[in-house]
Amino acid sequence: MAQLMFERLYVIDTSALINLKPYPKHIRTFKEKIWDVMEGMVDDGKLLAPLSVYEEVKNGGPDVISEWCKQHKKMFIDELELMDYIEKVKVHYDEGYWNIQTNKIGPWADPWLIALSLSRPYLNPDTGKTEYPPVINDEKNTGPTKIPYVAQKLGIRSLSLFEFFEEIGL
């Protein structure tokens, strides 16, 4: 079996966490391995999310994902730590969409997800270039209201949940 590869840091969105629901931990198969790997990555500080992801999950009501997030709160980074990066993200969003989202009641994690990635640059040993942790989300790249579009504009890779699984060797 191939060695799991997750030396790199990853930033995960609400959409990807919610899409983990079909993989209940109590089934002893590949599904259990997903949860073991995710928990190991959180324990090692290799899987992060902005605190607003936790709030979005929590607002969805009690379920297996919100309970898992509550048990792994150390992965959630307070947005106050990301204030220096949010303006870099904002300029790539559609202005009208930004205004609607920031004025609504409730959390909006998307820009903070990208700001978190920007706050954690690393030097890629293979290329010698500065890169940012990939953002894991299950949105389509359909324009300036979506995570993949904005991430791409800032040089951040966007991975679907399944692309993430493939990248780490699951």
C-alpha atoms as a PDB file:
ATOM      1  CA  MET A   1       0.000   0.000   0.000  1.00  0.00           C
ATOM      2  CA  ALA A   2       1.236   3.501  -0.867  1.00  0.00           C
ATOM      3  CA  GLN A   3       2.424   5.792   1.913  1.00  0.00           C
ATOM      4  CA  LEU A   4      -0.087   8.518   2.748  1.00  0.00           C
ATOM      5  CA  MET A   5       1.307  11.914   1.784  1.00  0.00           C
ATOM      6  CA  PHE A   6       0.262  14.910   3.814  1.00  0.00           C
ATOM      7  CA  GLU A   7       3.406  16.766   4.767  1.00  0.00           C
ATOM      8  CA  ARG A   8       1.755  19.841   3.315  1.00  0.00           C
ATOM      9  CA  LEU A   9      -0.906  21.903   4.993  1.00  0.00           C
ATOM     10  CA  TYR A  10      -4.479  21.928   3.704  1.00  0.00           C
ATOM     11  CA  VAL A  11      -7.338  24.349   4.342  1.00  0.00           C
ATOM     12  CA  ILE A  12     -10.843  22.845   4.260  1.00  0.00           C
ATOM     13  CA  ASP A  13     -14.205  24.477   3.538  1.00  0.00           C
ATOM     14  CA  THR A  14     -17.651  23.799   4.950  1.00  0.00           C
ATOM     15  CA  SER A  15     -18.768  22.231   1.647  1.00  0.00           C
ATOM     16  CA  ALA A  16     -16.060  19.566   1.836  1.00  0.00           C
ATOM     17  CA  LEU A  17     -16.729  18.823   5.510  1.00  0.00           C
ATOM     18  CA  ILE A  18     -20.437  18.422   4.831  1.00  0.00           C
ATOM     19  CA  ASN A  19     -19.668  16.071   1.953  1.00  0.00           C
ATOM     20  CA  LEU A  20     -17.875  13.786   4.415  1.00  0.00           C
ATOM     21  CA  LYS A  21     -21.280  12.769   5.847  1.00  0.00           C
ATOM     22  CA  PRO A  22     -21.658   9.732   3.565  1.00  0.00           C
ATOM     23  CA  TYR A  23     -18.542   8.297   5.212  1.00  0.00           C
ATOM     24  CA  PRO A  24     -19.732   7.364   8.722  1.00  0.00           C
ATOM     25  CA  LYS A  25     -16.858   6.540  11.041  1.00  0.00           C
ATOM     26  CA  HIS A  26     -18.434   3.462  12.575  1.00  0.00           C
ATOM     27  CA  ILE A  27     -18.279   1.453   9.322  1.00  0.00           C
ATOM     28  CA  ARG A  28     -14.994  -0.478   9.331  1.00  0.00           C
ATOM     29  CA  THR A  29     -13.866   0.026   5.755  1.00  0.00           C
ATOM     30  CA  PHE A  30     -12.238   2.674   3.626  1.00  0.00           C
ATOM     31  CA  LYS A  31     -14.659   5.089   5.255  1.00  0.00           C
ATOM     32  CA  GLU A  32     -13.070   4.601   8.672  1.00  0.00           C
ATOM     33  CA  LYS A  33      -9.637   5.224   7.175  1.00  0.00           C
ATOM     34  CA  ILE A  34     -10.831   8.623   5.882  1.00  0.00           C
ATOM     35  CA  TRP A  35     -11.766   9.714   9.405  1.00  0.00           C
ATOM     36  CA  ASP A  36      -8.536   8.334  10.905  1.00  0.00           C
ATOM     37  CA  VAL A  37      -6.478  10.274   8.357  1.00  0.00           C
ATOM     38  CA  MET A  38      -8.476  13.468   8.846  1.00  0.00           C
ATOM     39  CA  GLU A  39      -8.087  13.243  12.626  1.00  0.00           C
ATOM     40  CA  GLY A  40      -4.355  12.573  12.279  1.00  0.00           C
ATOM     41  CA  MET A  41      -3.971  15.611  10.046  1.00  0.00           C
ATOM     42  CA  VAL A  42      -5.817  17.791  12.569  1.00  0.00           C
ATOM     43  CA  ASP A  43      -3.652  16.437  15.398  1.00  0.00           C
ATOM     44  CA  ASP A  44      -0.516  17.212  13.345  1.00  0.00           C
ATOM     45  CA  GLY A  45      -1.721  20.719  12.487  1.00  0.00           C
ATOM     46  CA  LYS A  46      -1.935  19.848   8.774  1.00  0.00           C
ATOM     47  CA  LEU A  47      -5.672  20.451   8.327  1.00  0.00           C
ATOM     48  CA  LEU A  48      -7.024  23.897   9.155  1.00  0.00           C
ATOM     49  CA  ALA A  49     -10.127  25.994   8.589  1.00  0.00           C
ATOM     50  CA  PRO A  50     -11.223  29.473   9.594  1.00  0.00           C
ATOM     51  CA  LEU A  51     -13.500  29.659  12.629  1.00  0.00           C
ATOM     52  CA  SER A  52     -16.358  30.737  10.351  1.00  0.00           C
ATOM     53  CA  VAL A  53     -16.344  27.212   8.836  1.00  0.00           C
ATOM     54  CA  TYR A  54     -17.055  25.869  12.313  1.00  0.00           C
ATOM     55  CA  GLU A  55     -19.859  28.418  12.682  1.00  0.00           C
ATOM     56  CA  GLU A  56     -21.386  27.450   9.307  1.00  0.00           C
ATOM     57  CA  VAL A  57     -21.293  23.755  10.223  1.00  0.00           C
ATOM     58  CA  LYS A  58     -22.752  24.465  13.675  1.00  0.00           C
ATOM     59  CA  ASN A  59     -25.557  26.559  12.134  1.00  0.00           C
ATOM     60  CA  GLY A  60     -26.532  23.527  10.048  1.00  0.00           C
ATOM     61  CA  GLY A  61     -27.740  21.817  13.194  1.00  0.00           C
ATOM     62  CA  PRO A  62     -26.417  18.939  15.252  1.00  0.00           C
ATOM     63  CA  ASP A  63     -25.147  16.034  13.189  1.00  0.00           C
ATOM     64  CA  VAL A  64     -22.056  13.854  12.818  1.00  0.00           C
ATOM     65  CA  ILE A  65     -20.067  16.647  11.128  1.00  0.00           C
ATOM     66  CA  SER A  66     -20.870  19.333  13.701  1.00  0.00           C
ATOM     67  CA  GLU A  67     -20.014  16.891  16.485  1.00  0.00           C
ATOM     68  CA  TRP A  68     -16.711  15.990  14.786  1.00  0.00           C
ATOM     69  CA  CYS A  69     -15.875  19.690  14.378  1.00  0.00           C
ATOM     70  CA  LYS A  70     -16.668  20.342  18.047  1.00  0.00           C
ATOM     71  CA  GLN A  71     -14.260  17.548  19.013  1.00  0.00           C
ATOM     72  CA  HIS A  72     -11.538  19.018  16.742  1.00  0.00           C
ATOM     73  CA  LYS A  73     -11.846  22.740  17.473  1.00  0.00           C
ATOM     74  CA  LYS A  74      -8.080  23.188  17.463  1.00  0.00           C
ATOM     75  CA  MET A  75      -8.147  23.116  13.651  1.00  0.00           C
ATOM     76  CA  PHE A  76     -10.217  26.310  13.485  1.00  0.00           C
ATOM     77  CA  ILE A  77      -8.308  29.586  13.243  1.00  0.00           C
ATOM     78  CA  ASP A  78      -9.825  32.847  14.484  1.00  0.00           C
ATOM     79  CA  GLU A  79     -10.382  35.371  11.684  1.00  0.00           C
ATOM     80  CA  LEU A  80      -8.629  38.053  13.766  1.00  0.00           C
ATOM     81  CA  GLU A  81      -5.376  36.306  12.804  1.00  0.00           C
ATOM     82  CA  LEU A  82      -6.263  36.740   9.116  1.00  0.00           C
ATOM     83  CA  MET A  83      -7.142  40.434   8.953  1.00  0.00           C
ATOM     84  CA  ASP A  84      -3.909  41.305   7.105  1.00  0.00           C
ATOM     85  CA  TYR A  85      -4.955  39.031   4.222  1.00  0.00           C
ATOM     86  CA  ILE A  86      -8.667  39.657   3.742  1.00  0.00           C
ATOM     87  CA  GLU A  87      -8.267  42.782   1.565  1.00  0.00           C
ATOM     88  CA  LYS A  88      -6.134  40.764  -0.884  1.00  0.00           C
ATOM     89  CA  VAL A  89      -9.015  38.323  -1.157  1.00  0.00           C
ATOM     90  CA  LYS A  90     -11.808  40.906  -1.333  1.00  0.00           C
ATOM     91  CA  VAL A  91     -10.559  42.539  -4.556  1.00  0.00           C
ATOM     92  CA  HIS A  92     -11.094  39.274  -6.465  1.00  0.00           C
ATOM     93  CA  TYR A  93     -14.743  38.829  -5.477  1.00  0.00           C
ATOM     94  CA  ASP A  94     -17.636  40.354  -7.343  1.00  0.00           C
ATOM     95  CA  GLU A  95     -18.299  43.588  -5.423  1.00  0.00           C
ATOM     96  CA  GLY A  96     -22.089  43.205  -5.317  1.00  0.00           C
ATOM     97  CA  TYR A  97     -21.820  39.617  -4.116  1.00  0.00           C
ATOM     98  CA  TRP A  98     -19.278  40.652  -1.453  1.00  0.00           C
ATOM     99  CA  ASN A  99     -21.616  43.343  -0.154  1.00  0.00           C
ATOM    100  CA  ILE A 100     -24.571  40.953   0.025  1.00  0.00           C
ATOM    101  CA  GLN A 101     -22.588  38.242   1.818  1.00  0.00           C
ATOM    102  CA  THR A 102     -20.920  40.554   4.322  1.00  0.00           C
ATOM    103  CA  ASN A 103     -24.210  42.218   5.234  1.00  0.00           C
ATOM    104  CA  LYS A 104     -26.234  39.057   5.764  1.00  0.00           C
ATOM    105  CA  ILE A 105     -26.832  37.492   9.146  1.00  0.00           C
ATOM    106  CA  GLY A 106     -24.636  34.502   9.811  1.00  0.00           C
ATOM    107  CA  PRO A 107     -21.112  33.457   8.915  1.00  0.00           C
ATOM    108  CA  TRP A 108     -19.550  33.512   5.442  1.00  0.00           C
ATOM    109  CA  ALA A 109     -16.396  31.417   5.493  1.00  0.00           C
ATOM    110  CA  ASP A 110     -15.319  31.544   1.837  1.00  0.00           C
ATOM    111  CA  PRO A 111     -13.029  34.598   1.861  1.00  0.00           C
ATOM    112  CA  TRP A 112     -11.558  33.616   5.224  1.00  0.00           C
ATOM    113  CA  LEU A 113     -10.699  30.184   3.848  1.00  0.00           C
ATOM    114  CA  ILE A 114      -8.617  31.835   1.132  1.00  0.00           C
ATOM    115  CA  ALA A 115      -7.122  34.366   3.570  1.00  0.00           C
ATOM    116  CA  LEU A 116      -6.060  31.463   5.803  1.00  0.00           C
ATOM    117  CA  SER A 117      -4.243  29.859   2.893  1.00  0.00           C
ATOM    118  CA  LEU A 118      -2.507  33.163   2.084  1.00  0.00           C
ATOM    119  CA  SER A 119      -1.392  33.418   5.709  1.00  0.00           C
ATOM    120  CA  ARG A 120       0.510  30.111   5.533  1.00  0.00           C
ATOM    121  CA  PRO A 121       2.961  30.359   2.583  1.00  0.00           C
ATOM    122  CA  TYR A 122       5.666  27.716   2.268  1.00  0.00           C
ATOM    123  CA  LEU A 123       8.648  27.089   0.016  1.00  0.00           C
ATOM    124  CA  ASN A 124       8.040  24.156  -2.307  1.00  0.00           C
ATOM    125  CA  PRO A 125      11.279  22.113  -2.169  1.00  0.00           C
ATOM    126  CA  ASP A 126      10.682  20.703  -5.662  1.00  0.00           C
ATOM    127  CA  THR A 127      10.230  24.041  -7.426  1.00  0.00           C
ATOM    128  CA  GLY A 128      11.932  26.462  -5.046  1.00  0.00           C
ATOM    129  CA  LYS A 129       8.836  28.692  -5.316  1.00  0.00           C
ATOM    130  CA  THR A 130       6.590  30.068  -2.632  1.00  0.00           C
ATOM    131  CA  GLU A 131       3.193  28.362  -2.635  1.00  0.00           C
ATOM    132  CA  TYR A 132       0.087  28.407  -0.484  1.00  0.00           C
ATOM    133  CA  PRO A 133      -1.804  25.492   1.048  1.00  0.00           C
ATOM    134  CA  PRO A 134      -4.523  24.137  -1.247  1.00  0.00           C
ATOM    135  CA  VAL A 135      -8.128  24.872  -0.338  1.00  0.00           C
ATOM    136  CA  ILE A 136     -10.419  21.850  -0.234  1.00  0.00           C
ATOM    137  CA  ASN A 137     -13.953  22.657  -1.311  1.00  0.00           C
ATOM    138  CA  ASP A 138     -16.690  21.216  -3.464  1.00  0.00           C
ATOM    139  CA  GLU A 139     -17.619  24.328  -5.417  1.00  0.00           C
ATOM    140  CA  LYS A 140     -17.414  24.680  -9.188  1.00  0.00           C
ATOM    141  CA  ASN A 141     -15.238  27.378 -10.734  1.00  0.00           C
ATOM    142  CA  THR A 142     -18.104  29.406 -12.185  1.00  0.00           C
ATOM    143  CA  GLY A 143     -16.907  32.955 -11.592  1.00  0.00           C
ATOM    144  CA  PRO A 144     -16.034  35.626  -9.052  1.00  0.00           C
ATOM    145  CA  THR A 145     -18.478  34.414  -6.407  1.00  0.00           C
ATOM    146  CA  LYS A 146     -16.848  30.995  -5.950  1.00  0.00           C
ATOM    147  CA  ILE A 147     -13.847  29.761  -3.970  1.00  0.00           C
ATOM    148  CA  PRO A 148     -12.016  28.089  -6.894  1.00  0.00           C
ATOM    149  CA  TYR A 149     -12.141  31.255  -9.011  1.00  0.00           C
ATOM    150  CA  VAL A 150     -10.838  33.570  -6.273  1.00  0.00           C
ATOM    151  CA  ALA A 151      -8.226  31.037  -5.119  1.00  0.00           C
ATOM    152  CA  GLN A 152      -6.925  30.677  -8.682  1.00  0.00           C
ATOM    153  CA  LYS A 153      -6.605  34.471  -9.005  1.00  0.00           C
ATOM    154  CA  LEU A 154      -4.346  34.420  -5.931  1.00  0.00           C
ATOM    155  CA  GLY A 155      -2.245  31.445  -7.037  1.00  0.00           C
ATOM    156  CA  ILE A 156      -3.869  28.983  -4.641  1.00  0.00           C
ATOM    157  CA  ARG A 157      -4.821  25.495  -5.786  1.00  0.00           C
ATOM    158  CA  SER A 158      -8.412  24.442  -5.244  1.00  0.00           C
ATOM    159  CA  LEU A 159      -9.105  20.743  -4.678  1.00  0.00           C
ATOM    160  CA  SER A 160     -12.378  18.866  -4.526  1.00  0.00           C
ATOM    161  CA  LEU A 161     -12.753  16.417  -1.663  1.00  0.00           C
ATOM    162  CA  PHE A 162     -11.952  13.519  -3.996  1.00  0.00           C
ATOM    163  CA  GLU A 163      -8.907  15.299  -5.459  1.00  0.00           C
ATOM    164  CA  PHE A 164      -7.729  15.826  -1.891  1.00  0.00           C
ATOM    165  CA  PHE A 165      -8.185  12.116  -1.106  1.00  0.00           C
ATOM    166  CA  GLU A 166      -6.224  11.242  -4.240  1.00  0.00           C
ATOM    167  CA  GLU A 167      -3.430  13.695  -3.425  1.00  0.00           C
ATOM    168  CA  ILE A 168      -2.872  12.296   0.065  1.00  0.00           C
ATOM    169  CA  GLY A 169      -3.014   8.701  -1.163  1.00  0.00           C
ATOM    170  CA  LEU A 170      -6.447   7.570   0.054  1.00  0.00           C
END
